Amino acid sequence: MASSKDYLQYVLEYSSELSYRKMMGEYLIYYKGVLIGGIYDDRFLLKITPTVQKIGEDVKRAIPYDGGKEMIMIENLDDKDFTMTLIQKVYEDLK
């Protein structure tokens, strides 16, 4: 199932520094030009990095697609402060 453009736009509203690239009906998400995760089946997933593992031990994890690596799933899109903290930590670990 392809992700919706509305869901993408909602995620992009977190920060003007978020961008995307469409990939086979889904969206790769970049923060300040660094790939941090993606939107898969209308689920916002972030890469797991060492810092995020420490912060988000209780955060739900999901597989984006068959054969993909486990990622952190952002369940509560309305908690923008927590989500932006995770986004920034992933970015810091990957840049």
Protein backbone atom coordinates (compact mmCIF):
# COMPACT_ATOMS: atom_id res chain seq x y z
CA MET A 1 0.00 0.00 0.00
CA ALA A 2 1.38 3.40 -0.95
CA SER A 3 1.54 6.18 1.62
CA SER A 4 -0.73 9.18 1.23
CA LYS A 5 0.45 12.65 0.26
CA ASP A 6 -1.63 14.06 3.16
CA TYR A 7 0.32 11.99 5.68
CA LEU A 8 3.58 13.14 4.10
CA GLN A 9 2.53 16.79 4.32
CA TYR A 10 1.58 16.38 7.99
CA VAL A 11 5.05 14.99 8.78
CA LEU A 12 6.79 17.72 6.77
CA GLU A 13 5.05 20.37 8.90
CA TYR A 14 7.32 19.47 11.84
CA SER A 15 10.20 21.48 10.40
CA SER A 16 11.08 23.48 7.31
CA GLU A 17 14.35 21.51 7.29
CA LEU A 18 12.57 18.24 6.51
CA SER A 19 12.46 17.15 2.89
CA TYR A 20 11.53 13.99 1.04
CA ARG A 21 12.17 11.84 -1.98
CA LYS A 22 9.45 9.63 -3.40
CA MET A 23 10.49 6.00 -3.73
CA MET A 24 8.14 3.31 -5.09
CA GLY A 25 4.98 4.79 -3.56
CA GLU A 26 6.65 5.57 -0.25
CA TYR A 27 8.76 8.53 0.93
CA LEU A 28 12.33 8.78 2.17
CA ILE A 29 12.62 11.55 4.77
CA TYR A 30 15.66 13.81 5.08
CA TYR A 31 16.54 16.32 7.79
CA LYS A 32 19.06 18.98 6.76
CA GLY A 33 19.95 16.77 3.81
CA VAL A 34 20.62 13.60 5.84
CA LEU A 35 18.42 10.53 5.35
CA ILE A 36 16.82 9.90 8.75
CA GLY A 37 13.94 7.58 7.94
CA GLY A 38 10.86 7.30 5.83
CA ILE A 39 7.13 7.00 5.51
CA TYR A 40 6.02 3.45 4.79
CA ASP A 41 2.34 2.46 4.64
CA ASP A 42 1.42 5.75 6.33
CA ARG A 43 3.81 5.07 9.23
CA PHE A 44 6.61 7.51 10.07
CA LEU A 45 9.71 5.44 10.81
CA LEU A 46 13.15 6.67 11.90
CA LYS A 47 16.50 4.93 11.66
CA ILE A 48 17.73 3.40 14.89
CA THR A 49 20.96 5.06 16.04
CA PRO A 50 22.91 4.64 19.32
CA THR A 51 21.51 7.82 20.89
CA VAL A 52 17.93 7.06 19.88
CA GLN A 53 18.24 3.55 21.29
CA LYS A 54 19.03 5.05 24.70
CA ILE A 55 16.23 7.63 24.55
CA GLY A 56 13.59 5.46 22.97
CA GLU A 57 13.92 2.10 24.67
CA ASP A 58 10.15 1.99 25.15
CA VAL A 59 9.37 3.24 21.65
CA LYS A 60 7.59 0.86 19.31
CA ARG A 61 9.64 -0.60 16.47
CA ALA A 62 8.55 -1.74 13.04
CA ILE A 63 9.91 -3.20 9.82
CA PRO A 64 9.30 -0.81 6.89
CA TYR A 65 9.01 -3.55 4.24
CA ASP A 66 9.85 -7.23 3.78
CA GLY A 67 13.58 -7.66 4.30
CA GLY A 68 14.04 -4.16 5.73
CA LYS A 69 15.86 -3.26 8.93
CA GLU A 70 13.92 -2.54 12.10
CA MET A 71 13.15 1.15 12.66
CA ILE A 72 11.54 3.27 15.37
CA MET A 73 7.88 3.97 14.67
CA ILE A 74 6.49 7.36 15.64
CA GLU A 75 3.07 6.45 17.00
CA ASN A 76 1.90 9.81 18.35
CA LEU A 77 2.38 12.35 15.58
CA ASP A 78 0.78 15.00 17.78
CA ASP A 79 3.73 14.93 20.21
CA LYS A 80 5.87 17.21 18.06
CA ASP A 81 8.43 18.01 20.77
CA PHE A 82 9.31 14.34 21.33
CA THR A 83 9.28 13.62 17.60
CA MET A 84 11.58 16.54 16.83
CA THR A 85 13.93 15.43 19.62
CA LEU A 86 14.18 12.00 18.00
CA ILE A 87 14.65 13.51 14.53
CA GLN A 88 17.46 15.76 15.77
CA LYS A 89 19.18 12.89 17.63
CA VAL A 90 19.07 10.67 14.53
CA TYR A 91 20.48 13.53 12.48
CA GLU A 92 23.30 14.18 14.97
CA ASP A 93 24.27 10.51 14.98
CA LEU A 94 24.27 10.26 11.18
CA LYS A 95 25.78 13.54 9.99
